[in-house]
C-alpha atoms as a PDB file:
ATOM      1  CA  UNK A   1     113.053 124.395  52.206  1.00  0.00           C
ATOM      2  CA  UNK A   2     109.614 124.025  53.618  1.00  0.00           C
ATOM      3  CA  UNK A   3     108.008 126.201  50.882  1.00  0.00           C
ATOM      4  CA  UNK A   4     109.810 123.998  47.956  1.00  0.00           C
ATOM      5  CA  UNK A   5     108.408 120.876  49.537  1.00  0.00           C
ATOM      6  CA  UNK A   6     104.834 122.011  49.733  1.00  0.00           C
ATOM      7  CA  UNK A   7     105.172 123.024  46.304  1.00  0.00           C
ATOM      8  CA  UNK A   8     106.342 119.804  44.996  1.00  0.00           C
ATOM      9  CA  UNK A   9     103.426 117.990  46.699  1.00  0.00           C
ATOM     10  CA  UNK A  10     101.218 120.333  45.007  1.00  0.00           C
ATOM     11  CA  UNK A  11     102.579 119.568  41.480  1.00  0.00           C
ATOM     12  CA  UNK A  12     102.473 115.828  42.187  1.00  0.00           C
ATOM     13  CA  UNK A  13      98.805 116.107  43.104  1.00  0.00           C
ATOM     14  CA  UNK A  14      98.008 118.254  40.083  1.00  0.00           C
ATOM     15  CA  UNK A  15      99.843 115.408  37.912  1.00  0.00           C
ATOM     16  CA  UNK A  16      97.767 112.702  39.223  1.00  0.00           C
ATOM     17  CA  UNK A  17      94.503 114.398  38.848  1.00  0.00           C
ATOM     18  CA  UNK A  18      95.291 115.321  35.235  1.00  0.00           C
ATOM     19  CA  UNK A  19      96.269 111.607  34.696  1.00  0.00           C
ATOM     20  CA  UNK A  20      92.942 110.531  36.062  1.00  0.00           C
ATOM     21  CA  UNK A  21      91.054 113.056  33.984  1.00  0.00           C
ATOM     22  CA  UNK A  22      92.868 111.693  30.664  1.00  0.00           C
ATOM     23  CA  UNK A  23      91.780 108.055  31.852  1.00  0.00           C
ATOM     24  CA  UNK A  24      88.130 109.090  32.318  1.00  0.00           C
ATOM     25  CA  UNK A  25      88.207 110.668  28.885  1.00  0.00           C
ATOM     26  CA  UNK A  26      89.799 107.788  27.017  1.00  0.00           C
ATOM     27  CA  UNK A  27      86.923 105.413  28.688  1.00  0.00           C
ATOM     28  CA  UNK A  28      84.298 107.736  27.452  1.00  0.00           C
ATOM     29  CA  UNK A  29      85.786 107.901  24.043  1.00  0.00           C
ATOM     30  CA  UNK A  30      85.944 104.140  23.791  1.00  0.00           C
ATOM     31  CA  UNK A  31      82.334 103.726  24.939  1.00  0.00           C
ATOM     32  CA  UNK A  32      81.045 106.252  22.417  1.00  0.00           C
ATOM     33  CA  UNK A  33      82.916 104.421  19.638  1.00  0.00           C
ATOM     34  CA  UNK A  34      81.501 100.942  20.885  1.00  0.00           C
ATOM     35  CA  UNK A  35      78.048 102.263  20.679  1.00  0.00           C
ATOM     36  CA  UNK A  36      78.553 103.828  17.418  1.00  0.00           C
ATOM     37  CA  UNK A  37      80.049 100.604  15.878  1.00  0.00           C
ATOM     38  CA  UNK A  38      77.063  98.617  17.497  1.00  0.00           C
ATOM     39  CA  UNK A  39      74.440 100.874  15.833  1.00  0.00           C
ATOM     40  CA  UNK A  40      76.420 100.519  12.534  1.00  0.00           C
ATOM     41  CA  UNK A  41      76.004  96.819  12.746  1.00  0.00           C
ATOM     42  CA  UNK A  42      72.447  96.839  13.347  1.00  0.00           C
ATOM     43  CA  UNK A  43      71.878  99.240  10.604  1.00  0.00           C
ATOM     44  CA  UNK A  44      73.753  96.884   8.210  1.00  0.00           C
ATOM     45  CA  UNK A  45      71.897  93.847   9.296  1.00  0.00           C
ATOM     46  CA  UNK A  46      68.385  95.519   8.948  1.00  0.00           C
ATOM     47  CA  UNK A  47      69.192  96.720   5.436  1.00  0.00           C
ATOM     48  CA  UNK A  48      70.414  93.315   4.404  1.00  0.00           C
ATOM     49  CA  UNK A  49      67.274  91.673   5.839  1.00  0.00           C
ATOM     50  CA  UNK A  50      65.027  94.248   3.958  1.00  0.00           C
ATOM     51  CA  UNK A  51      67.116  93.384   0.860  1.00  0.00           C
ATOM     52  CA  UNK A  52      66.550  89.746   1.124  1.00  0.00           C
ATOM     53  CA  UNK A  53      62.705  89.871   1.739  1.00  0.00           C
ATOM     54  CA  UNK A  54      62.356  92.060  -1.320  1.00  0.00           C
ATOM     55  CA  UNK A  55      64.245  89.642  -3.460  1.00  0.00           C
ATOM     56  CA  UNK A  56      62.240  86.589  -2.116  1.00  0.00           C
ATOM     57  CA  UNK A  57      58.831  88.310  -2.644  1.00  0.00           C
ATOM     58  CA  UNK A  58      59.963  88.818  -6.163  1.00  0.00           C
ATOM     59  CA  UNK A  59      60.690  85.247  -6.689  1.00  0.00           C
ATOM     60  CA  UNK A  60      57.568  84.031  -5.320  1.00  0.00           C
ATOM     61  CA  UNK A  61      55.568  86.621  -7.474  1.00  0.00           C
ATOM     62  CA  UNK A  62      57.538  85.177 -10.464  1.00  0.00           C
ATOM     63  CA  UNK A  63      56.740  81.683  -9.637  1.00  0.00           C
ATOM     64  CA  UNK A  64      53.080  82.283  -9.017  1.00  0.00           C
ATOM     65  CA  UNK A  65      52.861  84.310 -12.360  1.00  0.00           C
ATOM     66  CA  UNK A  66      52.140  81.846 -15.249  1.00  0.00           C
ATOM     67  CA  UNK A  67      54.290  82.091 -18.281  1.00  0.00           C
ATOM     68  CA  UNK A  68      52.925  83.385 -21.524  1.00  0.00           C
ATOM     69  CA  UNK A  69      52.785  79.736 -22.974  1.00  0.00           C
ATOM     70  CA  UNK A  70      50.850  78.550 -19.953  1.00  0.00           C
ATOM     71  CA  UNK A  71      48.550  81.507 -19.999  1.00  0.00           C
ATOM     72  CA  UNK A  72      47.808  80.963 -23.607  1.00  0.00           C
ATOM     73  CA  UNK A  73      46.862  77.189 -22.846  1.00  0.00           C
ATOM     74  CA  UNK A  74      44.717  78.152 -20.194  1.00  0.00           C
ATOM     75  CA  UNK A  75      42.769  80.779 -22.211  1.00  0.00           C
ATOM     76  CA  UNK A  76      42.415  78.647 -25.247  1.00  0.00           C
ATOM     77  CA  UNK A  77      38.902  77.175 -25.970  1.00  0.00           C
ATOM     78  CA  UNK A  78      38.584  73.416 -26.956  1.00  0.00           C
ATOM     79  CA  UNK A  79      37.081  72.884 -30.335  1.00  0.00           C
ATOM     80  CA  UNK A  80      33.392  72.673 -30.385  1.00  0.00           C
ATOM     81  CA  UNK A  81      33.214  69.282 -31.928  1.00  0.00           C
ATOM     82  CA  UNK A  82      35.705  67.531 -29.531  1.00  0.00           C
ATOM     83  CA  UNK A  83      33.674  66.225 -26.412  1.00  0.00           C
ATOM     84  CA  UNK A  84      35.428  65.860 -23.200  1.00  0.00           C
ATOM     85  CA  UNK A  85      36.486  62.206 -22.521  1.00  0.00           C
ATOM     86  CA  UNK A  86      34.127  60.273 -20.348  1.00  0.00           C
ATOM     87  CA  UNK A  87      35.650  57.413 -18.037  1.00  0.00           C
ATOM     88  CA  UNK A  88      34.184  54.021 -18.523  1.00  0.00           C
ATOM     89  CA  UNK A  89      31.901  53.056 -15.664  1.00  0.00           C
ATOM     90  CA  UNK A  90      33.361  50.426 -13.385  1.00  0.00           C
ATOM     91  CA  UNK A  91      31.192  47.335 -13.196  1.00  0.00           C
ATOM     92  CA  UNK A  92      29.761  46.758  -9.668  1.00  0.00           C
ATOM     93  CA  UNK A  93      30.926  43.592  -8.212  1.00  0.00           C
ATOM     94  CA  UNK A  94      28.164  40.803  -8.172  1.00  0.00           C
ATOM     95  CA  UNK A  95      27.040  40.206  -4.742  1.00  0.00           C
ATOM     96  CA  UNK A  96      26.844  36.601  -3.520  1.00  0.00           C
ATOM     97  CA  UNK A  97      23.267  35.985  -2.091  1.00  0.00           C
ATOM     98  CA  UNK A  98      23.510  34.999   1.604  1.00  0.00           C
ATOM     99  CA  UNK A  99      21.572  31.763   1.028  1.00  0.00           C
ATOM    100  CA  UNK A 100      20.288  30.151  -2.257  1.00  0.00           C
ATOM    101  CA  UNK A 101      16.609  29.934  -3.314  1.00  0.00           C
ATOM    102  CA  UNK A 102      15.006  27.686  -0.760  1.00  0.00           C
ATOM    103  CA  UNK A 103      13.519  24.344  -1.835  1.00  0.00           C
ATOM    104  CA  UNK A 104      11.069  24.199   1.036  1.00  0.00           C
ATOM    105  CA  UNK A 105       8.900  27.241   1.470  1.00  0.00           C
ATOM    106  CA  UNK A 106       8.148  26.945   5.169  1.00  0.00           C
ATOM    107  CA  UNK A 107       9.051  28.923   8.135  1.00  0.00           C
ATOM    108  CA  UNK A 108      11.039  26.118   9.774  1.00  0.00           C
ATOM    109  CA  UNK A 109      13.035  25.537   6.813  1.00  0.00           C
ATOM    110  CA  UNK A 110      13.925  29.268   6.445  1.00  0.00           C
ATOM    111  CA  UNK A 111      14.909  29.375  10.101  1.00  0.00           C
ATOM    112  CA  UNK A 112      16.778  26.076   9.735  1.00  0.00           C
ATOM    113  CA  UNK A 113      18.690  27.857   6.706  1.00  0.00           C
ATOM    114  CA  UNK A 114      19.564  30.927   8.626  1.00  0.00           C
ATOM    115  CA  UNK A 115      20.950  28.905  11.584  1.00  0.00           C
ATOM    116  CA  UNK A 116      23.122  26.998   8.968  1.00  0.00           C
ATOM    117  CA  UNK A 117      24.352  30.235   7.687  1.00  0.00           C
ATOM    118  CA  UNK A 118      25.386  31.511  10.956  1.00  0.00           C
ATOM    119  CA  UNK A 119      27.058  28.271  11.852  1.00  0.00           C
ATOM    120  CA  UNK A 120      28.966  27.871   8.769  1.00  0.00           C
ATOM    121  CA  UNK A 121      30.299  31.509   8.495  1.00  0.00           C
ATOM    122  CA  UNK A 122      31.097  31.359  12.469  1.00  0.00           C
ATOM    123  CA  UNK A 123      32.643  27.972  12.833  1.00  0.00           C
ATOM    124  CA  UNK A 124      33.136  26.697   9.213  1.00  0.00           C
ATOM    125  CA  UNK A 125      36.407  26.589   7.180  1.00  0.00           C
ATOM    126  CA  UNK A 126      35.390  28.391   4.202  1.00  0.00           C
ATOM    127  CA  UNK A 127      37.292  30.652   2.010  1.00  0.00           C
ATOM    128  CA  UNK A 128      34.685  33.194   1.259  1.00  0.00           C
ATOM    129  CA  UNK A 129      30.903  34.177   0.842  1.00  0.00           C
ATOM    130  CA  UNK A 130      30.608  31.979  -2.364  1.00  0.00           C
ATOM    131  CA  UNK A 131      32.015  29.023  -0.649  1.00  0.00           C
ATOM    132  CA  UNK A 132      29.468  29.195   2.044  1.00  0.00           C
ATOM    133  CA  UNK A 133      26.678  29.653  -0.618  1.00  0.00           C
ATOM    134  CA  UNK A 134      27.822  26.625  -2.375  1.00  0.00           C
ATOM    135  CA  UNK A 135      27.830  24.528   0.900  1.00  0.00           C
ATOM    136  CA  UNK A 136      24.363  25.558   1.741  1.00  0.00           C
ATOM    137  CA  UNK A 137      23.243  24.830  -1.729  1.00  0.00           C
ATOM    138  CA  UNK A 138      24.749  21.161  -1.231  1.00  0.00           C
ATOM    139  CA  UNK A 139      22.628  21.026   2.039  1.00  0.00           C
ATOM    140  CA  UNK A 140      19.301  21.936   0.351  1.00  0.00           C
ATOM    141  CA  UNK A 141      16.566  19.091   0.952  1.00  0.00           C
ATOM    142  CA  UNK A 142      14.363  17.636  -1.638  1.00  0.00           C
ATOM    143  CA  UNK A 143      11.204  17.108   0.306  1.00  0.00           C
ATOM    144  CA  UNK A 144      10.136  14.266  -1.809  1.00  0.00           C
ATOM    145  CA  UNK A 145      13.309  12.417  -1.847  1.00  0.00           C
ATOM    146  CA  UNK A 146      14.766   9.594   0.329  1.00  0.00           C
ATOM    147  CA  UNK A 147      15.960  10.668   3.595  1.00  0.00           C
ATOM    148  CA  UNK A 148      17.493   9.398   6.751  1.00  0.00           C
ATOM    149  CA  UNK A 149      19.270  11.040   9.752  1.00  0.00           C
ATOM    150  CA  UNK A 150      22.549   9.485  11.264  1.00  0.00           C
ATOM    151  CA  UNK A 151      23.069  10.198  15.051  1.00  0.00           C
ATOM    152  CA  UNK A 152      25.862   9.747  17.427  1.00  0.00           C
ATOM    153  CA  UNK A 153      25.590   9.480  21.333  1.00  0.00           C
ATOM    154  CA  UNK A 154      27.876  10.001  24.146  1.00  0.00           C
ATOM    155  CA  UNK A 155      30.407  12.351  22.612  1.00  0.00           C
ATOM    156  CA  UNK A 156      32.499  14.430  21.833  1.00  0.00           C
ATOM    157  CA  UNK A 157      35.047  11.922  22.376  1.00  0.00           C
ATOM    158  CA  UNK A 158      38.475  12.705  20.955  1.00  0.00           C
ATOM    159  CA  UNK A 159      39.987  11.188  18.538  1.00  0.00           C
ATOM    160  CA  UNK A 160      36.899   9.411  17.456  1.00  0.00           C
ATOM    161  CA  UNK A 161      34.668  12.207  16.855  1.00  0.00           C
ATOM    162  CA  UNK A 162      37.269  13.945  15.044  1.00  0.00           C
ATOM    163  CA  UNK A 163      37.788  10.982  12.717  1.00  0.00           C
ATOM    164  CA  UNK A 164      33.860  10.676  12.152  1.00  0.00           C
ATOM    165  CA  UNK A 165      33.739  14.464  11.197  1.00  0.00           C
ATOM    166  CA  UNK A 166      36.683  13.796   8.813  1.00  0.00           C
ATOM    167  CA  UNK A 167      34.518  11.134   7.005  1.00  0.00           C
ATOM    168  CA  UNK A 168      31.487  13.331   7.013  1.00  0.00           C
ATOM    169  CA  UNK A 169      33.337  16.293   5.604  1.00  0.00           C
ATOM    170  CA  UNK A 170      35.029  14.240   2.925  1.00  0.00           C
ATOM    171  CA  UNK A 171      31.595  13.059   1.817  1.00  0.00           C
ATOM    172  CA  UNK A 172      29.627  16.432   2.211  1.00  0.00           C
ATOM    173  CA  UNK A 173      27.357  14.748   4.742  1.00  0.00           C
ATOM    174  CA  UNK A 174      25.926  15.718   7.991  1.00  0.00           C
ATOM    175  CA  UNK A 175      24.739  14.021  11.151  1.00  0.00           C
ATOM    176  CA  UNK A 176      23.230  14.853  14.713  1.00  0.00           C
ATOM    177  CA  UNK A 177      25.379  14.540  17.668  1.00  0.00           C
ATOM    178  CA  UNK A 178      23.625  13.883  21.131  1.00  0.00           C
ATOM    179  CA  UNK A 179      26.421  15.250  23.433  1.00  0.00           C
ATOM    180  CA  UNK A 180      27.143  14.948  27.003  1.00  0.00           C
ATOM    181  CA  UNK A 181      27.461  18.255  28.700  1.00  0.00           C
ATOM    182  CA  UNK A 182      30.511  17.340  30.864  1.00  0.00           C
ATOM    183  CA  UNK A 183      32.564  16.601  27.641  1.00  0.00           C
ATOM    184  CA  UNK A 184      31.841  19.921  26.004  1.00  0.00           C
ATOM    185  CA  UNK A 185      34.311  21.937  28.132  1.00  0.00           C
ATOM    186  CA  UNK A 186      37.173  19.726  27.215  1.00  0.00           C
ATOM    187  CA  UNK A 187      36.252  19.399  23.496  1.00  0.00           C
ATOM    188  CA  UNK A 188      34.835  22.865  22.606  1.00  0.00           C
ATOM    189  CA  UNK A 189      36.819  22.740  19.293  1.00  0.00           C
ATOM    190  CA  UNK A 190      35.038  19.420  18.174  1.00  0.00           C
ATOM    191  CA  UNK A 191      31.527  20.994  18.976  1.00  0.00           C
ATOM    192  CA  UNK A 192      32.640  23.933  16.795  1.00  0.00           C
ATOM    193  CA  UNK A 193      33.674  21.947  14.073  1.00  0.00           C
ATOM    194  CA  UNK A 194      30.256  20.014  14.109  1.00  0.00           C
ATOM    195  CA  UNK A 195      28.231  23.257  13.981  1.00  0.00           C
ATOM    196  CA  UNK A 196      30.836  24.378  11.149  1.00  0.00           C
ATOM    197  CA  UNK A 197      30.023  21.215   9.135  1.00  0.00           C
ATOM    198  CA  UNK A 198      26.129  21.819   9.386  1.00  0.00           C
ATOM    199  CA  UNK A 199      25.478  19.120  11.724  1.00  0.00           C
ATOM    200  CA  UNK A 200      22.856  19.360  14.611  1.00  0.00           C
ATOM    201  CA  UNK A 201      23.557  19.188  18.338  1.00  0.00           C
ATOM    202  CA  UNK A 202      21.207  17.205  20.576  1.00  0.00           C
ATOM    203  CA  UNK A 203      21.124  16.752  24.626  1.00  0.00           C
ATOM    204  CA  UNK A 204      22.149  13.553  26.023  1.00  0.00           C
ATOM    205  CA  UNK A 205      22.146  15.136  29.547  1.00  0.00           C
ATOM    206  CA  UNK A 206      25.291  16.509  31.325  1.00  0.00           C
ATOM    207  CA  UNK A 207      26.708  13.130  32.858  1.00  0.00           C
ATOM    208  CA  UNK A 208      24.585  10.524  30.938  1.00  0.00           C
ATOM    209  CA  UNK A 209      22.079  10.304  33.871  1.00  0.00           C
ATOM    210  CA  UNK A 210      19.063   7.992  33.883  1.00  0.00           C
ATOM    211  CA  UNK A 211      16.234  10.492  33.972  1.00  0.00           C
ATOM    212  CA  UNK A 212      13.816   8.044  35.452  1.00  0.00           C
ATOM    213  CA  UNK A 213      16.096   7.932  38.754  1.00  0.00           C
ATOM    214  CA  UNK A 214      16.230  11.708  39.040  1.00  0.00           C
ATOM    215  CA  UNK A 215      13.735  14.231  40.804  1.00  0.00           C
ATOM    216  CA  UNK A 216      11.905  16.731  38.720  1.00  0.00           C
ATOM    217  CA  UNK A 217      14.668  19.430  39.880  1.00  0.00           C
ATOM    218  CA  UNK A 218      17.642  17.097  39.062  1.00  0.00           C
ATOM    219  CA  UNK A 219      16.196  16.549  35.620  1.00  0.00           C
ATOM    220  CA  UNK A 220      15.774  20.006  34.706  1.00  0.00           C
ATOM    221  CA  UNK A 221      19.407  20.723  36.114  1.00  0.00           C
ATOM    222  CA  UNK A 222      20.972  17.958  34.048  1.00  0.00           C
ATOM    223  CA  UNK A 223      19.229  18.949  30.781  1.00  0.00           C
ATOM    224  CA  UNK A 224      18.926  22.523  31.435  1.00  0.00           C
ATOM    225  CA  UNK A 225      22.552  22.892  32.289  1.00  0.00           C
ATOM    226  CA  UNK A 226      23.809  21.552  28.813  1.00  0.00           C
ATOM    227  CA  UNK A 227      21.268  23.757  26.907  1.00  0.00           C
ATOM    228  CA  UNK A 228      22.752  26.796  28.698  1.00  0.00           C
ATOM    229  CA  UNK A 229      26.132  25.811  27.875  1.00  0.00           C
ATOM    230  CA  UNK A 230      25.677  25.347  24.332  1.00  0.00           C
ATOM    231  CA  UNK A 231      24.012  28.672  24.106  1.00  0.00           C
ATOM    232  CA  UNK A 232      26.588  30.413  26.233  1.00  0.00           C
ATOM    233  CA  UNK A 233      29.624  29.123  24.134  1.00  0.00           C
ATOM    234  CA  UNK A 234      28.206  28.918  20.743  1.00  0.00           C
ATOM    235  CA  UNK A 235      24.848  30.822  20.812  1.00  0.00           C
ATOM    236  CA  UNK A 236      23.083  27.352  19.935  1.00  0.00           C
ATOM    237  CA  UNK A 237      19.756  26.490  21.119  1.00  0.00           C
ATOM    238  CA  UNK A 238      19.166  22.807  21.440  1.00  0.00           C
ATOM    239  CA  UNK A 239      15.739  21.466  20.699  1.00  0.00           C
ATOM    240  CA  UNK A 240      16.365  17.670  20.784  1.00  0.00           C
ATOM    241  CA  UNK A 241      16.380  15.393  23.837  1.00  0.00           C
ATOM    242  CA  UNK A 242      17.633  11.800  23.831  1.00  0.00           C
ATOM    243  CA  UNK A 243      17.455  10.273  27.231  1.00  0.00           C
ATOM    244  CA  UNK A 244      20.227   7.838  28.079  1.00  0.00           C
ATOM    245  CA  UNK A 245      19.307   4.204  28.159  1.00  0.00           C
ATOM    246  CA  UNK A 246      16.114   5.020  26.389  1.00  0.00           C
ATOM    247  CA  UNK A 247      14.391   5.775  29.454  1.00  0.00           C
ATOM    248  CA  UNK A 248      11.951   8.313  30.082  1.00  0.00           C
ATOM    249  CA  UNK A 249       9.168   6.687  32.242  1.00  0.00           C
ATOM    250  CA  UNK A 250       6.503   4.319  31.304  1.00  0.00           C
ATOM    251  CA  UNK A 251       3.181   5.719  29.547  1.00  0.00           C
ATOM    252  CA  UNK A 252       0.703   6.876  32.254  1.00  0.00           C
ATOM    253  CA  UNK A 253       3.206   7.373  35.053  1.00  0.00           C
ATOM    254  CA  UNK A 254       4.269  10.352  36.841  1.00  0.00           C
ATOM    255  CA  UNK A 255       7.703  10.163  35.646  1.00  0.00           C
ATOM    256  CA  UNK A 256       6.550  10.275  31.918  1.00  0.00           C
ATOM    257  CA  UNK A 257       4.403  13.137  32.565  1.00  0.00           C
ATOM    258  CA  UNK A 258       7.256  15.365  34.270  1.00  0.00           C
ATOM    259  CA  UNK A 259       9.751  14.472  31.480  1.00  0.00           C
ATOM    260  CA  UNK A 260       7.220  15.566  28.749  1.00  0.00           C
ATOM    261  CA  UNK A 261       6.387  18.643  30.747  1.00  0.00           C
ATOM    262  CA  UNK A 262      10.078  19.331  31.182  1.00  0.00           C
ATOM    263  CA  UNK A 263      10.674  18.819  27.405  1.00  0.00           C
ATOM    264  CA  UNK A 264       7.884  21.248  26.572  1.00  0.00           C
ATOM    265  CA  UNK A 265       9.314  23.912  29.019  1.00  0.00           C
ATOM    266  CA  UNK A 266      12.714  23.689  27.262  1.00  0.00           C
ATOM    267  CA  UNK A 267      11.147  23.693  23.870  1.00  0.00           C
ATOM    268  CA  UNK A 268      12.562  20.196  23.074  1.00  0.00           C
ATOM    269  CA  UNK A 269      11.431  16.982  21.176  1.00  0.00           C
ATOM    270  CA  UNK A 270      12.253  13.485  22.827  1.00  0.00           C
ATOM    271  CA  UNK A 271      14.107  11.418  20.116  1.00  0.00           C
ATOM    272  CA  UNK A 272      15.195   7.820  20.099  1.00  0.00           C
ATOM    273  CA  UNK A 273      15.985   5.867  17.085  1.00  0.00           C
ATOM    274  CA  UNK A 274      14.407   3.528  14.477  1.00  0.00           C
ATOM    275  CA  UNK A 275      17.437   1.280  13.730  1.00  0.00           C
ATOM    276  CA  UNK A 276      20.569   0.826  15.972  1.00  0.00           C
ATOM    277  CA  UNK A 277      23.873  -0.257  14.664  1.00  0.00           C
ATOM    278  CA  UNK A 278      24.620  -2.282  17.733  1.00  0.00           C
ATOM    279  CA  UNK A 279      28.235  -0.654  17.797  1.00  0.00           C
ATOM    280  CA  UNK A 280      27.859  -0.765  21.581  1.00  0.00           C
ATOM    281  CA  UNK A 281      28.032  -4.621  21.508  1.00  0.00           C
ATOM    282  CA  UNK A 282      31.431  -6.073  22.082  1.00  0.00           C
ATOM    283  CA  UNK A 283      30.729  -8.960  19.710  1.00  0.00           C
ATOM    284  CA  UNK A 284      29.724  -6.479  16.866  1.00  0.00           C
ATOM    285  CA  UNK A 285      32.237  -5.820  14.027  1.00  0.00           C
ATOM    286  CA  UNK A 286      32.352  -2.944  11.671  1.00  0.00           C
ATOM    287  CA  UNK A 287      31.244  -5.107   8.843  1.00  0.00           C
ATOM    288  CA  UNK A 288      28.318  -6.506  10.871  1.00  0.00           C
ATOM    289  CA  UNK A 289      27.236  -2.903  11.664  1.00  0.00           C
ATOM    290  CA  UNK A 290      27.373  -2.031   7.973  1.00  0.00           C
ATOM    291  CA  UNK A 291      25.259  -5.196   7.017  1.00  0.00           C
ATOM    292  CA  UNK A 292      22.731  -4.384   9.667  1.00  0.00           C
ATOM    293  CA  UNK A 293      22.195  -0.761   8.582  1.00  0.00           C
ATOM    294  CA  UNK A 294      22.005  -1.460   4.830  1.00  0.00           C
ATOM    295  CA  UNK A 295      19.520  -4.314   5.548  1.00  0.00           C
ATOM    296  CA  UNK A 296      16.174  -3.705   3.334  1.00  0.00           C
ATOM    297  CA  UNK A 297      14.101  -4.427   6.481  1.00  0.00           C
ATOM    298  CA  UNK A 298      14.782  -4.313  10.211  1.00  0.00           C
ATOM    299  CA  UNK A 299      13.625  -6.910  12.768  1.00  0.00           C
ATOM    300  CA  UNK A 300      10.208  -5.084  12.681  1.00  0.00           C
ATOM    301  CA  UNK A 301       9.903  -4.974   9.078  1.00  0.00           C
ATOM    302  CA  UNK A 302      10.644  -1.306   8.695  1.00  0.00           C
ATOM    303  CA  UNK A 303      12.454  -0.084   5.670  1.00  0.00           C
ATOM    304  CA  UNK A 304      15.392   2.234   5.667  1.00  0.00           C
ATOM    305  CA  UNK A 305      13.846   5.284   4.347  1.00  0.00           C
ATOM    306  CA  UNK A 306      13.166   8.076   6.933  1.00  0.00           C
ATOM    307  CA  UNK A 307      15.111   5.924   9.591  1.00  0.00           C
ATOM    308  CA  UNK A 308      16.797   7.499  12.553  1.00  0.00           C
ATOM    309  CA  UNK A 309      20.182   5.490  12.781  1.00  0.00           C
ATOM    310  CA  UNK A 310      21.842   4.981  16.262  1.00  0.00           C
ATOM    311  CA  UNK A 311      25.709   4.973  16.463  1.00  0.00           C
ATOM    312  CA  UNK A 312      28.131   6.258  19.109  1.00  0.00           C
ATOM    313  CA  UNK A 313      31.015   8.385  18.520  1.00  0.00           C
ATOM    314  CA  UNK A 314      33.483   6.414  20.881  1.00  0.00           C
ATOM    315  CA  UNK A 315      34.494   3.430  18.942  1.00  0.00           C
ATOM    316  CA  UNK A 316      37.049   2.938  16.344  1.00  0.00           C
ATOM    317  CA  UNK A 317      34.801   0.241  14.572  1.00  0.00           C
ATOM    318  CA  UNK A 318      32.288   2.833  14.328  1.00  0.00           C
ATOM    319  CA  UNK A 319      34.709   5.023  12.284  1.00  0.00           C
ATOM    320  CA  UNK A 320      35.615   2.164   9.998  1.00  0.00           C
ATOM    321  CA  UNK A 321      32.011   1.542   9.307  1.00  0.00           C
ATOM    322  CA  UNK A 322      31.209   5.136   8.667  1.00  0.00           C
ATOM    323  CA  UNK A 323      33.736   5.017   5.854  1.00  0.00           C
ATOM    324  CA  UNK A 324      31.741   2.384   4.253  1.00  0.00           C
ATOM    325  CA  UNK A 325      28.189   3.416   5.042  1.00  0.00           C
ATOM    326  CA  UNK A 326      28.059   7.120   4.378  1.00  0.00           C
ATOM    327  CA  UNK A 327      29.030   6.722   0.652  1.00  0.00           C
ATOM    328  CA  UNK A 328      26.879   3.454   0.291  1.00  0.00           C
ATOM    329  CA  UNK A 329      23.818   5.273   1.489  1.00  0.00           C
ATOM    330  CA  UNK A 330      24.577   8.355  -0.692  1.00  0.00           C
ATOM    331  CA  UNK A 331      24.843   6.018  -3.839  1.00  0.00           C
ATOM    332  CA  UNK A 332      21.479   4.666  -2.890  1.00  0.00           C
ATOM    333  CA  UNK A 333      20.152   7.932  -3.135  1.00  0.00           C
ATOM    334  CA  UNK A 334      19.561   8.696   0.527  1.00  0.00           C
ATOM    335  CA  UNK A 335      19.853  12.330   1.772  1.00  0.00           C
ATOM    336  CA  UNK A 336      21.795  12.469   5.057  1.00  0.00           C
ATOM    337  CA  UNK A 337      19.787  15.084   6.952  1.00  0.00           C
ATOM    338  CA  UNK A 338      19.600  16.054  10.488  1.00  0.00           C
ATOM    339  CA  UNK A 339      16.994  14.642  12.762  1.00  0.00           C
ATOM    340  CA  UNK A 340      15.230  18.066  13.017  1.00  0.00           C
ATOM    341  CA  UNK A 341      15.086  18.235   9.230  1.00  0.00           C
ATOM    342  CA  UNK A 342      13.682  14.518   9.153  1.00  0.00           C
ATOM    343  CA  UNK A 343      10.791  15.175  11.589  1.00  0.00           C
ATOM    344  CA  UNK A 344       9.864  18.431   9.900  1.00  0.00           C
ATOM    345  CA  UNK A 345       9.836  16.876   6.775  1.00  0.00           C
ATOM    346  CA  UNK A 346       7.578  14.254   8.044  1.00  0.00           C
ATOM    347  CA  UNK A 347       3.830  13.914   8.124  1.00  0.00           C
ATOM    348  CA  UNK A 348       3.642  14.669  11.859  1.00  0.00           C
ATOM    349  CA  UNK A 349       5.927  17.282  11.836  1.00  0.00           C
ATOM    350  CA  UNK A 350       8.336  18.362  14.847  1.00  0.00           C
ATOM    351  CA  UNK A 351       6.573  19.226  18.122  1.00  0.00           C
ATOM    352  CA  UNK A 352       8.008  20.082  21.381  1.00  0.00           C
ATOM    353  CA  UNK A 353       7.081  17.561  24.156  1.00  0.00           C
ATOM    354  CA  UNK A 354       6.389  14.800  21.710  1.00  0.00           C
ATOM    355  CA  UNK A 355       8.293  11.387  21.649  1.00  0.00           C
ATOM    356  CA  UNK A 356       9.640  10.082  18.474  1.00  0.00           C
ATOM    357  CA  UNK A 357      10.745   6.840  17.062  1.00  0.00           C
ATOM    358  CA  UNK A 358      10.189   4.412  19.887  1.00  0.00           C
ATOM    359  CA  UNK A 359       7.117   2.285  20.005  1.00  0.00           C
ATOM    360  CA  UNK A 360       5.380   2.097  23.328  1.00  0.00           C
END
């Protein structure tokens, strides 16, 4: 019995070992078959890829190779008597000169015109270079013609200054504005418009101070600060000084000597007026101002030609008077020039440190 049992165990063990061997053999066969299939797939993909590349190269070569018709056109020679067409030249645009030919051949006039060009192009309301050229042409001066300078003190003062500028612009006229430095910061656009219309800016001190009551240092501060502000804001150099209250010291006094010395230091001329409109007088109407300015002779018997007229751009009646005066003066043949232009055209000329237009 024991022998039979032992034999049965050995048989069972042999069966299990045989089963394990069969399972391992199947796994090996499956692995071999899988590897073969993978190699086959890779081989097919490679072959297909080579075929595609070959086809593409053929297409590209065909695309690059000209057809017979194209090749014939490319190699055909043009007839000897047929010239190649030549494009018509494009005419060069006519350049607008910066400034028109000058009517006065002097250095001051050339510098004046260059400054006007700068101001008009920077601050003016002009559509193009041709419009600036036209404006400069209108501002030309006839040195032999009648001239006068209209001046305004105490501005810029809105809205009066703006209305006066409207009248000037409408009549293609210019003037000289003696401004107060304290007013510039609040009215930069008005100062810019004055420059853009070709007007001149003069110095009326920072706060309308009486120069006779100031020390030399205080005088230089109130005048110099305004000049510095005009240059820093607008690149503009002021060369005219109108002392408030027409007070700059009596002849021969230390005050007069110092004020004249200051003017020379700052390259400025001291300018007053030859005929006042009296617009600062409460009892003066616009019509009275018009009559006074247009009078053939003033109280001292002086005529209107080469006059420096005094107004203030802070009264509405001054605006109303300007609406009549400017066209009336132009109709009489007067050129409305700036103070510097008037003085430069005079026999004396413009000189720094000189006092103009007020008899001592």
